[in-house]
Amino acid sequence: MEKKIIVLAVVTVCFFVTGCASSKDGRFGILSGLIAWSRQDWPLSASAFLETANGAESAGNRTLKDYAVFGLASTYLAEDEYDSALARLSEVKQSATPAIRAGVWYQAGIIAYRRGQFEDAAAFFRKSLENDPTSADAKINLELSRKSLGESEAQKSSGASGFSESQTPDQGTETIFNLVRKKEQDRWKNETDDSSVPAIADY
């Protein structure tokens, strides 16, 4: 569904370009977490982001904490720890920068999609686009979520195709075996019919 998640990198670049942090150490903590994340070193990435978030909270730097918490959530998402990722995403304040808010909703959409909650996923990707209308990934994933939702509803309304819903699994298996037996019998019958034709003597 989704390409490699690059929202973390985009948000971090915005962070450095705009100079949102007043603390160089905090920015290096974010950069360290990002480098570890790009190398898929999840323990080191989580450690760097967590340490930066705790330091930012002690210093009263809300913006730095939002970036660090977002990075930590991204690390948990990469490890498929959805509940932990959602818990961290919920810590990001509404007053966060638009780039962070867009990333938070985008990642919530990824989690909802992976869990098969396509309606929620579509709503989250829409919210991501409200904060960053230029995000091509959010647009693509919104359309994929809508398509998956439509397919899911179609399957629910039409029921299982093929066998009737009243059949038990044993009846379905028996039907398959009967078809296989019939095909085998037809094949053997055709082979015996061919062998009953008298061979022409070859002198």
C-alpha atoms as a PDB file:
ATOM      1  CA  MET A   1       0.000   0.000   0.000  1.00  0.00           C
ATOM      2  CA  GLU A   2       2.485   2.534   1.084  1.00  0.00           C
ATOM      3  CA  LYS A   3       5.929   3.295  -0.199  1.00  0.00           C
ATOM      4  CA  LYS A   4       8.747   3.487   2.288  1.00  0.00           C
ATOM      5  CA  ILE A   5       7.613   5.906   4.968  1.00  0.00           C
ATOM      6  CA  ILE A   6       9.470   9.148   4.271  1.00  0.00           C
ATOM      7  CA  VAL A   7       7.331  11.478   6.344  1.00  0.00           C
ATOM      8  CA  LEU A   8       9.830  11.357   9.199  1.00  0.00           C
ATOM      9  CA  ALA A   9      12.612  12.606   6.932  1.00  0.00           C
ATOM     10  CA  VAL A  10      10.453  15.378   5.476  1.00  0.00           C
ATOM     11  CA  VAL A  11       9.370  16.568   8.910  1.00  0.00           C
ATOM     12  CA  THR A  12      12.932  16.472  10.193  1.00  0.00           C
ATOM     13  CA  VAL A  13      14.204  18.482   7.232  1.00  0.00           C
ATOM     14  CA  CYS A  14      11.501  21.082   7.934  1.00  0.00           C
ATOM     15  CA  PHE A  15      12.687  21.096  11.520  1.00  0.00           C
ATOM     16  CA  PHE A  16      16.278  21.899  10.583  1.00  0.00           C
ATOM     17  CA  VAL A  17      15.489  24.332   7.788  1.00  0.00           C
ATOM     18  CA  THR A  18      13.146  26.450   9.895  1.00  0.00           C
ATOM     19  CA  GLY A  19      15.463  26.292  12.912  1.00  0.00           C
ATOM     20  CA  CYS A  20      12.596  25.426  15.228  1.00  0.00           C
ATOM     21  CA  ALA A  21      14.781  24.359  18.091  1.00  0.00           C
ATOM     22  CA  SER A  22      16.694  26.693  20.291  1.00  0.00           C
ATOM     23  CA  SER A  23      18.906  23.865  21.502  1.00  0.00           C
ATOM     24  CA  LYS A  24      21.687  22.511  19.299  1.00  0.00           C
ATOM     25  CA  ASP A  25      21.884  19.380  21.454  1.00  0.00           C
ATOM     26  CA  GLY A  26      18.193  18.741  20.805  1.00  0.00           C
ATOM     27  CA  ARG A  27      18.650  19.073  17.074  1.00  0.00           C
ATOM     28  CA  PHE A  28      21.594  16.680  17.150  1.00  0.00           C
ATOM     29  CA  GLY A  29      19.432  14.226  19.113  1.00  0.00           C
ATOM     30  CA  ILE A  30      16.777  14.409  16.387  1.00  0.00           C
ATOM     31  CA  LEU A  31      19.427  13.988  13.687  1.00  0.00           C
ATOM     32  CA  SER A  32      20.964  11.029  15.536  1.00  0.00           C
ATOM     33  CA  GLY A  33      17.531   9.378  15.782  1.00  0.00           C
ATOM     34  CA  LEU A  34      16.852   9.986  12.098  1.00  0.00           C
ATOM     35  CA  ILE A  35      20.180   8.489  11.012  1.00  0.00           C
ATOM     36  CA  ALA A  36      19.579   5.402  13.184  1.00  0.00           C
ATOM     37  CA  TRP A  37      16.019   5.164  11.803  1.00  0.00           C
ATOM     38  CA  SER A  38      17.250   5.292   8.197  1.00  0.00           C
ATOM     39  CA  ARG A  39      19.659   2.436   9.024  1.00  0.00           C
ATOM     40  CA  GLN A  40      16.769   0.488  10.591  1.00  0.00           C
ATOM     41  CA  ASP A  41      18.563   0.467  13.930  1.00  0.00           C
ATOM     42  CA  TRP A  42      15.292   0.686  15.861  1.00  0.00           C
ATOM     43  CA  PRO A  43      16.710   0.450  19.416  1.00  0.00           C
ATOM     44  CA  LEU A  44      19.214   3.260  18.795  1.00  0.00           C
ATOM     45  CA  SER A  45      16.597   5.370  17.014  1.00  0.00           C
ATOM     46  CA  ALA A  46      14.055   4.945  19.823  1.00  0.00           C
ATOM     47  CA  SER A  47      16.706   5.725  22.425  1.00  0.00           C
ATOM     48  CA  ALA A  48      17.804   8.943  20.667  1.00  0.00           C
ATOM     49  CA  PHE A  49      14.256  10.211  20.182  1.00  0.00           C
ATOM     50  CA  LEU A  50      13.197   9.300  23.719  1.00  0.00           C
ATOM     51  CA  GLU A  51      16.228  10.981  25.268  1.00  0.00           C
ATOM     52  CA  THR A  52      15.610  14.106  23.173  1.00  0.00           C
ATOM     53  CA  ALA A  53      11.916  14.169  24.103  1.00  0.00           C
ATOM     54  CA  ASN A  54      12.718  13.896  27.813  1.00  0.00           C
ATOM     55  CA  GLY A  55      15.365  16.633  27.563  1.00  0.00           C
ATOM     56  CA  ALA A  56      12.990  18.916  25.643  1.00  0.00           C
ATOM     57  CA  GLU A  57      10.278  18.427  28.252  1.00  0.00           C
ATOM     58  CA  SER A  58      12.704  19.306  31.056  1.00  0.00           C
ATOM     59  CA  ALA A  59      13.776  22.419  29.145  1.00  0.00           C
ATOM     60  CA  GLY A  60      10.167  23.372  28.381  1.00  0.00           C
ATOM     61  CA  ASN A  61      10.791  23.198  24.621  1.00  0.00           C
ATOM     62  CA  ARG A  62       7.412  22.016  23.307  1.00  0.00           C
ATOM     63  CA  THR A  63       8.361  22.161  19.624  1.00  0.00           C
ATOM     64  CA  LEU A  64      11.450  20.023  20.094  1.00  0.00           C
ATOM     65  CA  LYS A  65       9.437  17.537  22.138  1.00  0.00           C
ATOM     66  CA  ASP A  66       6.805  17.270  19.380  1.00  0.00           C
ATOM     67  CA  TYR A  67       9.484  16.439  16.811  1.00  0.00           C
ATOM     68  CA  ALA A  68      11.136  13.895  19.107  1.00  0.00           C
ATOM     69  CA  VAL A  69       7.820  12.232  20.010  1.00  0.00           C
ATOM     70  CA  PHE A  70       6.891  12.087  16.335  1.00  0.00           C
ATOM     71  CA  GLY A  71      10.241  10.421  15.598  1.00  0.00           C
ATOM     72  CA  LEU A  72       9.647   7.918  18.386  1.00  0.00           C
ATOM     73  CA  ALA A  73       6.180   7.112  17.004  1.00  0.00           C
ATOM     74  CA  SER A  74       7.739   6.618  13.550  1.00  0.00           C
ATOM     75  CA  THR A  75      10.194   4.143  15.037  1.00  0.00           C
ATOM     76  CA  TYR A  76       7.411   2.172  16.723  1.00  0.00           C
ATOM     77  CA  LEU A  77       5.415   2.170  13.481  1.00  0.00           C
ATOM     78  CA  ALA A  78       8.423   0.803  11.585  1.00  0.00           C
ATOM     79  CA  GLU A  79       8.511  -2.063  14.099  1.00  0.00           C
ATOM     80  CA  ASP A  80       4.741  -2.689  13.687  1.00  0.00           C
ATOM     81  CA  GLU A  81       4.118  -1.678  17.315  1.00  0.00           C
ATOM     82  CA  TYR A  82       0.884   0.103  16.459  1.00  0.00           C
ATOM     83  CA  ASP A  83      -0.472   0.705  19.952  1.00  0.00           C
ATOM     84  CA  SER A  84       2.815   2.228  21.129  1.00  0.00           C
ATOM     85  CA  ALA A  85       2.984   4.395  17.992  1.00  0.00           C
ATOM     86  CA  LEU A  86      -0.579   5.662  18.501  1.00  0.00           C
ATOM     87  CA  ALA A  87       0.115   6.411  22.159  1.00  0.00           C
ATOM     88  CA  ARG A  88       3.088   8.572  21.144  1.00  0.00           C
ATOM     89  CA  LEU A  89       1.198  10.272  18.305  1.00  0.00           C
ATOM     90  CA  SER A  90      -1.514  11.275  20.776  1.00  0.00           C
ATOM     91  CA  GLU A  91       1.109  13.195  22.778  1.00  0.00           C
ATOM     92  CA  VAL A  92       1.703  15.657  19.926  1.00  0.00           C
ATOM     93  CA  LYS A  93      -0.157  18.902  20.643  1.00  0.00           C
ATOM     94  CA  GLN A  94      -2.638  20.556  18.272  1.00  0.00           C
ATOM     95  CA  SER A  95      -0.374  23.605  18.400  1.00  0.00           C
ATOM     96  CA  ALA A  96       2.405  21.644  16.636  1.00  0.00           C
ATOM     97  CA  THR A  97       3.628  22.822  13.249  1.00  0.00           C
ATOM     98  CA  PRO A  98       1.529  21.881  10.182  1.00  0.00           C
ATOM     99  CA  ALA A  99       4.303  19.516   9.029  1.00  0.00           C
ATOM    100  CA  ILE A 100       4.137  17.598  12.314  1.00  0.00           C
ATOM    101  CA  ARG A 101       0.316  17.535  12.343  1.00  0.00           C
ATOM    102  CA  ALA A 102       0.273  16.263   8.745  1.00  0.00           C
ATOM    103  CA  GLY A 103       2.766  13.546   9.688  1.00  0.00           C
ATOM    104  CA  VAL A 104       0.769  12.522  12.759  1.00  0.00           C
ATOM    105  CA  TRP A 105      -2.451  12.069  10.752  1.00  0.00           C
ATOM    106  CA  TYR A 106      -0.561  10.335   7.948  1.00  0.00           C
ATOM    107  CA  GLN A 107       0.934   7.763  10.297  1.00  0.00           C
ATOM    108  CA  ALA A 108      -2.414   7.241  12.030  1.00  0.00           C
ATOM    109  CA  GLY A 109      -3.809   6.540   8.550  1.00  0.00           C
ATOM    110  CA  ILE A 110      -1.065   3.982   7.851  1.00  0.00           C
ATOM    111  CA  ILE A 111      -1.865   2.172  11.113  1.00  0.00           C
ATOM    112  CA  ALA A 112      -5.616   2.182  10.431  1.00  0.00           C
ATOM    113  CA  TYR A 113      -5.048   0.871   6.899  1.00  0.00           C
ATOM    114  CA  ARG A 114      -2.801  -1.951   8.061  1.00  0.00           C
ATOM    115  CA  ARG A 115      -5.464  -2.934  10.582  1.00  0.00           C
ATOM    116  CA  GLY A 116      -8.110  -3.058   7.855  1.00  0.00           C
ATOM    117  CA  GLN A 117      -9.923   0.032   9.197  1.00  0.00           C
ATOM    118  CA  PHE A 118     -10.252   1.626   5.775  1.00  0.00           C
ATOM    119  CA  GLU A 119     -12.878   4.224   6.662  1.00  0.00           C
ATOM    120  CA  ASP A 120     -10.738   5.538   9.538  1.00  0.00           C
ATOM    121  CA  ALA A 121      -7.655   5.438   7.314  1.00  0.00           C
ATOM    122  CA  ALA A 122      -9.380   7.588   4.675  1.00  0.00           C
ATOM    123  CA  ALA A 123     -10.454  10.102   7.348  1.00  0.00           C
ATOM    124  CA  PHE A 124      -6.899  10.303   8.726  1.00  0.00           C
ATOM    125  CA  PHE A 125      -5.342  10.800   5.284  1.00  0.00           C
ATOM    126  CA  ARG A 126      -7.875  13.599   4.616  1.00  0.00           C
ATOM    127  CA  LYS A 127      -6.800  15.303   7.857  1.00  0.00           C
ATOM    128  CA  SER A 128      -3.170  14.913   6.810  1.00  0.00           C
ATOM    129  CA  LEU A 129      -3.978  16.660   3.527  1.00  0.00           C
ATOM    130  CA  GLU A 130      -5.738  19.474   5.389  1.00  0.00           C
ATOM    131  CA  ASN A 131      -2.397  20.210   7.068  1.00  0.00           C
ATOM    132  CA  ASP A 132      -0.250  19.560   3.980  1.00  0.00           C
ATOM    133  CA  PRO A 133      -2.259  19.710   0.728  1.00  0.00           C
ATOM    134  CA  THR A 134       0.894  19.036  -1.329  1.00  0.00           C
ATOM    135  CA  SER A 135       1.514  15.516   0.067  1.00  0.00           C
ATOM    136  CA  ALA A 136       1.337  13.110  -2.874  1.00  0.00           C
ATOM    137  CA  ASP A 137       1.667  10.079  -0.567  1.00  0.00           C
ATOM    138  CA  ALA A 138      -1.344  11.151   1.496  1.00  0.00           C
ATOM    139  CA  LYS A 139      -3.393  11.647  -1.703  1.00  0.00           C
ATOM    140  CA  ILE A 140      -2.421   8.229  -3.049  1.00  0.00           C
ATOM    141  CA  ASN A 141      -3.128   6.504   0.264  1.00  0.00           C
ATOM    142  CA  LEU A 142      -6.472   8.308   0.583  1.00  0.00           C
ATOM    143  CA  GLU A 143      -7.533   6.889  -2.792  1.00  0.00           C
ATOM    144  CA  LEU A 144      -6.248   3.420  -1.892  1.00  0.00           C
ATOM    145  CA  SER A 145      -8.181   3.554   1.384  1.00  0.00           C
ATOM    146  CA  ARG A 146     -11.383   4.540  -0.431  1.00  0.00           C
ATOM    147  CA  LYS A 147     -10.876   1.750  -2.971  1.00  0.00           C
ATOM    148  CA  SER A 148     -10.202  -0.833  -0.234  1.00  0.00           C
ATOM    149  CA  LEU A 149     -13.257   0.372   1.690  1.00  0.00           C
ATOM    150  CA  GLY A 150     -15.435  -0.076  -1.411  1.00  0.00           C
ATOM    151  CA  GLU A 151     -14.062  -3.572  -2.042  1.00  0.00           C
ATOM    152  CA  SER A 152     -14.530  -4.533   1.596  1.00  0.00           C
ATOM    153  CA  GLU A 153     -18.159  -3.362   1.595  1.00  0.00           C
ATOM    154  CA  ALA A 154     -18.807  -5.164  -1.705  1.00  0.00           C
ATOM    155  CA  GLN A 155     -17.474  -8.422  -0.250  1.00  0.00           C
ATOM    156  CA  LYS A 156     -19.636  -8.056   2.851  1.00  0.00           C
ATOM    157  CA  SER A 157     -22.780  -7.384   0.833  1.00  0.00           C
ATOM    158  CA  SER A 158     -22.257 -10.154  -1.740  1.00  0.00           C
ATOM    159  CA  GLY A 159     -21.059 -12.807   0.707  1.00  0.00           C
ATOM    160  CA  ALA A 160     -18.466 -15.403  -0.174  1.00  0.00           C
ATOM    161  CA  SER A 161     -18.381 -16.267  -3.848  1.00  0.00           C
ATOM    162  CA  GLY A 162     -18.167 -19.814  -5.145  1.00  0.00           C
ATOM    163  CA  PHE A 163     -19.857 -22.109  -2.647  1.00  0.00           C
ATOM    164  CA  SER A 164     -23.183 -21.327  -1.046  1.00  0.00           C
ATOM    165  CA  GLU A 165     -23.022 -19.887   2.463  1.00  0.00           C
ATOM    166  CA  SER A 166     -25.087 -22.797   3.825  1.00  0.00           C
ATOM    167  CA  GLN A 167     -22.316 -25.261   3.086  1.00  0.00           C
ATOM    168  CA  THR A 168     -20.139 -26.324   5.961  1.00  0.00           C
ATOM    169  CA  PRO A 169     -16.376 -26.550   5.332  1.00  0.00           C
ATOM    170  CA  ASP A 170     -16.709 -30.362   5.068  1.00  0.00           C
ATOM    171  CA  GLN A 171     -19.396 -30.054   2.389  1.00  0.00           C
ATOM    172  CA  GLY A 172     -17.221 -27.630   0.425  1.00  0.00           C
ATOM    173  CA  THR A 173     -14.259 -30.001   0.634  1.00  0.00           C
ATOM    174  CA  GLU A 174     -16.460 -32.920  -0.457  1.00  0.00           C
ATOM    175  CA  THR A 175     -17.638 -30.926  -3.472  1.00  0.00           C
ATOM    176  CA  ILE A 176     -14.040 -30.282  -4.518  1.00  0.00           C
ATOM    177  CA  PHE A 177     -13.152 -33.975  -4.146  1.00  0.00           C
ATOM    178  CA  ASN A 178     -16.195 -34.964  -6.235  1.00  0.00           C
ATOM    179  CA  LEU A 179     -15.083 -32.634  -9.022  1.00  0.00           C
ATOM    180  CA  VAL A 180     -11.547 -34.060  -8.909  1.00  0.00           C
ATOM    181  CA  ARG A 181     -12.894 -37.653  -8.980  1.00  0.00           C
ATOM    182  CA  LYS A 182     -15.115 -36.853 -11.980  1.00  0.00           C
ATOM    183  CA  LYS A 183     -12.202 -35.303 -13.887  1.00  0.00           C
ATOM    184  CA  GLU A 184     -10.035 -38.353 -13.124  1.00  0.00           C
ATOM    185  CA  GLN A 185     -12.786 -40.731 -14.275  1.00  0.00           C
ATOM    186  CA  ASP A 186     -13.251 -38.756 -17.522  1.00  0.00           C
ATOM    187  CA  ARG A 187      -9.500 -38.787 -18.136  1.00  0.00           C
ATOM    188  CA  TRP A 188      -9.243 -42.592 -17.591  1.00  0.00           C
ATOM    189  CA  LYS A 189     -12.305 -43.185 -19.761  1.00  0.00           C
ATOM    190  CA  ASN A 190     -10.770 -41.167 -22.615  1.00  0.00           C
ATOM    191  CA  GLU A 191      -7.490 -43.080 -22.302  1.00  0.00           C
ATOM    192  CA  THR A 192      -9.222 -46.498 -22.397  1.00  0.00           C
ATOM    193  CA  ASP A 193     -11.335 -45.399 -25.386  1.00  0.00           C
ATOM    194  CA  ASP A 194      -8.176 -44.464 -27.254  1.00  0.00           C
ATOM    195  CA  SER A 195      -6.546 -47.813 -26.466  1.00  0.00           C
ATOM    196  CA  SER A 196      -9.582 -49.794 -27.707  1.00  0.00           C
ATOM    197  CA  VAL A 197      -9.042 -48.590 -31.306  1.00  0.00           C
ATOM    198  CA  PRO A 198      -7.321 -51.439 -33.170  1.00  0.00           C
ATOM    199  CA  ALA A 199      -3.750 -50.677 -34.060  1.00  0.00           C
ATOM    200  CA  ILE A 200      -2.836 -50.732 -37.733  1.00  0.00           C
ATOM    201  CA  ALA A 201      -0.306 -53.382 -38.502  1.00  0.00           C
ATOM    202  CA  ASP A 202       3.010 -51.931 -39.459  1.00  0.00           C
ATOM    203  CA  TYR A 203       4.944 -54.260 -41.756  1.00  0.00           C
END
